């Protein structure tokens, strides 16, 4: 898109680690908007900038499905021809405030945050001296809250875009549930395989014109439904959501609020993991079976 004179809009962190939608017109800047970011981005004046850009150039916008919907409603139909939109299979987004509270003690002198390293999840925080700290997903309160869907914004629990009919031109995501084809070996080796769903002729055209950048294999979308439920329905609001919100509104402390709801659950996971690792659990089960006989 950029090499052909167009511009790209995507989510990038500023120097204070606020996630903002940013305008990129140079290949050298693309790294800013690359990578998964499990947090809500601020649109700011991006829609207004895009409207102005579309008068003279092609624009590629990448965001959540609801952000794509907002943009399409804002831009006049007469300018849609040069607008390409990409959303992703979205499981909802937490507030940037939660992220900054959780990582507060790690952000001094930090220059970059990664939420994923290939297929692995967690935080990889890079500092100005090139030192990198890795915070494991299982032990981090931000990821615990996200995995249990208690920290999402309220509208995510009733999202009308979590459905098979996709908004915009293209939807991208992880191909969870891949069970056949030549790419299966790649998935098993941990390299990962992505989904590209085209919802318009513009989307098909964009992928065809960029096909040299991909190894493409056609699959039926139903192959991933079981493992990608956000292609069918939104996140269900569980009982913990209200408890977490009430706790956070009371003490304004993200980690403590998450811990109040989830720490016991994860302590049980740790105990089970320890017992399994040391084959204690299987030994207990064998003893119980022996007694029953």
Protein backbone atom coordinates (compact mmCIF):
# COMPACT_ATOMS: atom_id res chain seq x y z
CA UNK A 1 0.00 0.00 0.00
CA UNK A 2 2.75 2.42 0.99
CA UNK A 3 4.99 1.54 -1.94
CA UNK A 4 2.13 2.48 -4.27
CA UNK A 5 1.72 5.90 -2.65
CA UNK A 6 -0.96 5.03 -0.12
CA UNK A 7 -1.02 5.41 3.66
CA UNK A 8 -1.77 2.99 6.49
CA UNK A 9 -3.51 3.60 9.82
CA UNK A 10 -2.96 1.22 12.73
CA UNK A 11 -2.51 1.11 16.50
CA UNK A 12 0.86 2.25 17.91
CA UNK A 13 2.09 3.15 21.39
CA UNK A 14 3.26 6.70 22.05
CA UNK A 15 6.21 7.49 24.35
CA UNK A 16 3.95 7.25 27.41
CA UNK A 17 2.56 3.85 26.31
CA UNK A 18 -0.86 5.15 25.38
CA UNK A 19 -2.18 3.14 22.43
CA UNK A 20 -3.25 5.50 19.64
CA UNK A 21 -4.29 5.03 16.04
CA UNK A 22 -1.47 6.47 13.96
CA UNK A 23 -0.85 7.42 10.33
CA UNK A 24 2.07 5.61 8.64
CA UNK A 25 3.35 6.70 5.23
CA UNK A 26 6.86 5.16 5.33
CA UNK A 27 7.89 1.50 5.29
CA UNK A 28 10.47 2.37 7.96
CA UNK A 29 7.64 3.25 10.37
CA UNK A 30 5.62 0.08 9.88
CA UNK A 31 7.15 -1.59 12.94
CA UNK A 32 5.16 0.82 15.12
CA UNK A 33 1.81 -0.70 14.14
CA UNK A 34 2.96 -4.32 13.83
CA UNK A 35 2.17 -6.93 16.45
CA UNK A 36 -0.85 -7.91 18.48
CA UNK A 37 -1.88 -5.46 21.21
CA UNK A 38 -4.50 -6.67 23.69
CA UNK A 39 -5.73 -3.23 24.72
CA UNK A 40 -8.13 -0.55 23.49
CA UNK A 41 -6.68 2.04 21.13
CA UNK A 42 -7.77 5.65 20.93
CA UNK A 43 -9.00 6.76 17.49
CA UNK A 44 -8.33 10.43 18.20
CA UNK A 45 -8.60 12.44 14.97
CA UNK A 46 -7.76 9.48 12.70
CA UNK A 47 -11.18 9.37 10.99
CA UNK A 48 -10.88 13.04 10.12
CA UNK A 49 -7.35 12.53 8.77
CA UNK A 50 -8.48 9.54 6.71
CA UNK A 51 -11.33 11.51 5.20
CA UNK A 52 -8.86 14.15 4.08
CA UNK A 53 -6.33 11.56 2.78
CA UNK A 54 -8.97 9.79 0.69
CA UNK A 55 -9.41 12.88 -1.46
CA UNK A 56 -5.99 12.26 -3.02
CA UNK A 57 -4.72 8.77 -2.10
CA UNK A 58 -5.52 5.20 -1.11
CA UNK A 59 -5.87 4.37 2.59
CA UNK A 60 -5.58 1.07 4.46
CA UNK A 61 -7.15 1.11 7.95
CA UNK A 62 -6.51 -1.68 10.47
CA UNK A 63 -8.51 -1.86 13.70
CA UNK A 64 -11.16 -3.65 15.73
CA UNK A 65 -14.42 -4.51 13.91
CA UNK A 66 -16.28 -1.74 15.76
CA UNK A 67 -13.61 0.81 14.78
CA UNK A 68 -13.95 -0.28 11.15
CA UNK A 69 -17.74 0.11 11.40
CA UNK A 70 -17.34 3.59 12.88
CA UNK A 71 -15.00 4.61 10.07
CA UNK A 72 -17.28 3.28 7.33
CA UNK A 73 -20.20 5.21 8.82
CA UNK A 74 -18.15 8.40 9.02
CA UNK A 75 -16.63 8.37 5.52
CA UNK A 76 -18.99 9.47 2.69
CA UNK A 77 -19.82 6.73 0.18
CA UNK A 78 -18.19 8.78 -2.57
CA UNK A 79 -14.79 8.22 -0.89
CA UNK A 80 -15.15 4.49 -0.10
CA UNK A 81 -13.55 3.40 -3.38
CA UNK A 82 -10.03 4.19 -2.18
CA UNK A 83 -10.57 2.97 1.39
CA UNK A 84 -9.51 -0.56 2.37
CA UNK A 85 -10.38 -1.85 5.84
CA UNK A 86 -8.92 -4.74 7.82
CA UNK A 87 -10.26 -5.94 11.16
CA UNK A 88 -9.30 -8.96 13.23
CA UNK A 89 -11.08 -11.72 15.11
CA UNK A 90 -11.61 -9.69 18.27
CA UNK A 91 -12.23 -11.10 21.74
CA UNK A 92 -12.80 -7.67 23.27
CA UNK A 93 -10.41 -5.02 24.58
CA UNK A 94 -9.44 -3.84 28.09
CA UNK A 95 -8.75 -0.21 28.96
CA UNK A 96 -5.28 1.27 28.38
CA UNK A 97 -5.56 2.43 32.02
CA UNK A 98 -5.53 -1.20 33.21
CA UNK A 99 -2.43 -1.94 31.15
CA UNK A 100 -0.47 1.02 32.49
CA UNK A 101 -1.44 0.25 36.08
CA UNK A 102 -0.38 -3.37 35.71
CA UNK A 103 2.99 -2.54 34.10
CA UNK A 104 3.65 0.70 36.00
CA UNK A 105 6.77 -0.53 37.81
CA UNK A 106 8.26 -1.80 34.53
CA UNK A 107 7.68 1.20 32.25
CA UNK A 108 10.52 3.51 33.36
CA UNK A 109 13.08 3.63 30.53
CA UNK A 110 11.05 1.11 28.51
CA UNK A 111 10.91 1.68 24.75
CA UNK A 112 8.71 -1.16 23.51
CA UNK A 113 6.11 -3.68 24.68
CA UNK A 114 5.24 -6.94 22.94
CA UNK A 115 2.20 -9.01 23.92
CA UNK A 116 3.22 -12.02 21.86
CA UNK A 117 6.45 -13.60 20.71
CA UNK A 118 5.42 -15.88 17.87
CA UNK A 119 2.83 -18.22 19.34
CA UNK A 120 3.79 -17.45 22.95
CA UNK A 121 1.81 -14.94 25.05
CA UNK A 122 3.00 -12.64 27.83
CA UNK A 123 4.88 -9.35 28.05
CA UNK A 124 8.27 -8.74 26.51
CA UNK A 125 9.39 -5.28 27.67
CA UNK A 126 12.40 -3.80 25.88
CA UNK A 127 14.43 -1.00 27.49
CA UNK A 128 16.59 1.80 26.16
CA UNK A 129 19.70 -0.22 27.11
CA UNK A 130 18.31 -3.12 24.97
CA UNK A 131 17.60 -5.24 28.05
CA UNK A 132 14.40 -7.32 27.73
CA UNK A 133 12.21 -8.50 30.61
CA UNK A 134 9.71 -11.31 30.03
CA UNK A 135 6.58 -11.51 32.18
CA UNK A 136 4.85 -14.88 31.81
CA UNK A 137 1.19 -14.89 30.83
CA UNK A 138 0.07 -17.33 33.55
CA UNK A 139 1.49 -15.23 36.41
CA UNK A 140 0.51 -11.77 35.17
CA UNK A 141 -2.74 -10.19 36.42
CA UNK A 142 -3.38 -8.33 33.16
CA UNK A 143 -3.37 -11.56 31.15
CA UNK A 144 -5.28 -13.43 33.84
CA UNK A 145 -8.04 -10.82 33.63
CA UNK A 146 -7.99 -10.84 29.83
CA UNK A 147 -8.03 -14.65 29.56
CA UNK A 148 -11.00 -14.82 31.93
CA UNK A 149 -12.76 -11.96 30.11
CA UNK A 150 -13.38 -9.83 33.21
CA UNK A 151 -11.55 -6.65 32.14
CA UNK A 152 -13.16 -5.89 28.77
CA UNK A 153 -15.10 -2.71 28.08
CA UNK A 154 -18.83 -3.15 28.68
CA UNK A 155 -19.88 -3.00 25.01
CA UNK A 156 -17.65 -5.98 24.15
CA UNK A 157 -20.00 -8.36 25.96
CA UNK A 158 -22.80 -7.48 23.55
CA UNK A 159 -20.68 -6.98 20.42
CA UNK A 160 -22.78 -7.22 17.27
CA UNK A 161 -19.68 -7.68 15.10
CA UNK A 162 -18.72 -11.06 16.62
CA UNK A 163 -20.50 -13.01 13.90
CA UNK A 164 -19.86 -14.91 10.70
CA UNK A 165 -20.87 -11.92 8.56
CA UNK A 166 -17.79 -9.71 8.80
CA UNK A 167 -17.53 -5.93 8.66
CA UNK A 168 -15.11 -4.30 6.22
CA UNK A 169 -13.01 -5.84 3.46
CA UNK A 170 -10.75 -8.32 5.26
CA UNK A 171 -10.67 -10.11 8.62
CA UNK A 172 -7.41 -11.58 9.93
CA UNK A 173 -6.59 -13.78 12.91
CA UNK A 174 -4.99 -16.98 14.14
CA UNK A 175 -6.10 -20.19 12.43
CA UNK A 176 -6.95 -22.05 15.61
CA UNK A 177 -8.32 -25.51 14.81
CA UNK A 178 -6.41 -26.12 11.58
CA UNK A 179 -6.87 -29.85 10.94
CA UNK A 180 -5.93 -30.49 7.31
CA UNK A 181 -3.83 -29.29 4.38
CA UNK A 182 -0.19 -28.61 3.61
CA UNK A 183 0.14 -25.93 6.31
CA UNK A 184 -0.56 -28.39 9.12
CA UNK A 185 3.15 -29.21 9.55
CA UNK A 186 3.89 -25.51 9.93
CA UNK A 187 1.24 -25.21 12.65
CA UNK A 188 2.56 -28.29 14.49
CA UNK A 189 6.09 -26.88 14.44
CA UNK A 190 4.89 -23.78 16.30
CA UNK A 191 5.35 -21.32 13.44
CA UNK A 192 1.65 -20.51 13.31
CA UNK A 193 -0.89 -20.12 10.51
CA UNK A 194 -3.17 -17.12 10.00
CA UNK A 195 -6.70 -16.71 8.72
CA UNK A 196 -7.56 -14.26 5.95
CA UNK A 197 -11.30 -13.80 5.35
CA UNK A 198 -12.30 -11.57 2.43
CA UNK A 199 -15.75 -10.00 2.77
CA UNK A 200 -15.74 -7.84 -0.36
CA UNK A 201 -14.39 -7.72 -3.89
CA UNK A 202 -11.96 -5.04 -2.73
CA UNK A 203 -10.67 -7.44 -0.11
CA UNK A 204 -10.21 -10.23 -2.65
CA UNK A 205 -8.43 -7.83 -5.01
CA UNK A 206 -6.09 -6.62 -2.26
CA UNK A 207 -5.04 -10.17 -1.35
CA UNK A 208 -4.64 -11.24 -4.99
CA UNK A 209 -2.41 -8.24 -5.69
CA UNK A 210 -0.32 -9.11 -2.63
CA UNK A 211 -0.33 -12.91 -3.07
CA UNK A 212 3.43 -13.09 -3.58
CA UNK A 213 3.81 -12.16 0.11
CA UNK A 214 1.82 -15.17 1.34
CA UNK A 215 1.63 -18.94 1.25
CA UNK A 216 -2.12 -19.25 0.65
CA UNK A 217 -4.29 -22.35 1.08
CA UNK A 218 -8.08 -22.41 0.81
CA UNK A 219 -10.08 -23.82 3.72
CA UNK A 220 -13.72 -23.96 4.80
CA UNK A 221 -14.42 -21.38 7.51
CA UNK A 222 -16.30 -23.97 9.60
CA UNK A 223 -12.96 -25.67 10.34
CA UNK A 224 -12.12 -22.94 12.86
CA UNK A 225 -15.51 -22.17 14.46
CA UNK A 226 -14.99 -24.42 17.50
CA UNK A 227 -11.64 -22.78 18.32
CA UNK A 228 -12.50 -19.24 17.16
CA UNK A 229 -15.90 -18.66 18.83
CA UNK A 230 -15.70 -14.87 18.26
CA UNK A 231 -16.50 -15.60 14.60
CA UNK A 232 -19.96 -16.62 15.82
CA UNK A 233 -20.84 -14.77 19.02
CA UNK A 234 -19.50 -12.21 21.53
CA UNK A 235 -17.91 -12.94 24.88
CA UNK A 236 -20.40 -13.98 27.56
CA UNK A 237 -20.49 -11.67 30.58
CA UNK A 238 -19.77 -13.88 33.59
CA UNK A 239 -20.42 -13.24 37.29
CA UNK A 240 -16.82 -12.18 37.90
CA UNK A 241 -17.12 -9.11 35.66
CA UNK A 242 -19.44 -7.24 38.02
CA UNK A 243 -17.34 -8.20 41.07
CA UNK A 244 -14.16 -7.00 39.36
CA UNK A 245 -15.76 -3.68 38.35
CA UNK A 246 -17.11 -3.07 41.83
CA UNK A 247 -13.73 -3.78 43.36
CA UNK A 248 -11.87 -1.53 40.92
CA UNK A 249 -14.32 1.35 41.36
CA UNK A 250 -13.81 1.07 45.10
CA UNK A 251 -9.99 0.92 45.29
CA UNK A 252 -8.75 1.99 41.79
CA UNK A 253 -6.13 -0.78 41.95
CA UNK A 254 -6.19 -3.11 38.94
CA UNK A 255 -3.90 -5.88 40.20
CA UNK A 256 -5.59 -6.09 43.62
CA UNK A 257 -9.04 -6.18 42.01
CA UNK A 258 -8.02 -9.01 39.67
CA UNK A 259 -6.35 -10.88 42.52
CA UNK A 260 -9.48 -10.64 44.64
CA UNK A 261 -11.44 -12.42 41.90
CA UNK A 262 -8.93 -14.85 40.38
CA UNK A 263 -5.99 -15.57 42.71
CA UNK A 264 -7.63 -18.61 44.36
CA UNK A 265 -8.44 -20.07 40.95
CA UNK A 266 -4.84 -19.75 39.79
CA UNK A 267 -3.47 -21.09 43.08
CA UNK A 268 -5.52 -24.24 42.48
CA UNK A 269 -4.05 -24.42 38.94
CA UNK A 270 -0.54 -24.17 40.40
CA UNK A 271 -1.19 -26.94 42.94
CA UNK A 272 -2.64 -29.22 40.28
CA UNK A 273 0.29 -28.46 38.00
CA UNK A 274 2.76 -29.31 40.78
CA UNK A 275 0.99 -32.57 41.60
CA UNK A 276 0.82 -33.56 37.93
CA UNK A 277 4.46 -32.67 37.30
CA UNK A 278 5.58 -34.80 40.20
CA UNK A 279 3.16 -37.62 39.29
CA UNK A 280 1.53 -37.27 42.71
CA UNK A 281 -1.95 -36.80 41.23
CA UNK A 282 -1.80 -40.02 39.22
CA UNK A 283 -0.53 -41.86 42.29
CA UNK A 284 -3.47 -40.57 44.37
CA UNK A 285 -5.90 -41.58 41.61
CA UNK A 286 -4.39 -45.06 41.47
CA UNK A 287 -4.74 -45.39 45.25
CA UNK A 288 -8.40 -44.33 45.12
CA UNK A 289 -9.12 -46.84 42.33
CA UNK A 290 -7.40 -49.55 44.37
CA UNK A 291 -9.52 -48.78 47.44
CA UNK A 292 -12.73 -48.81 45.37
CA UNK A 293 -11.88 -52.27 44.03
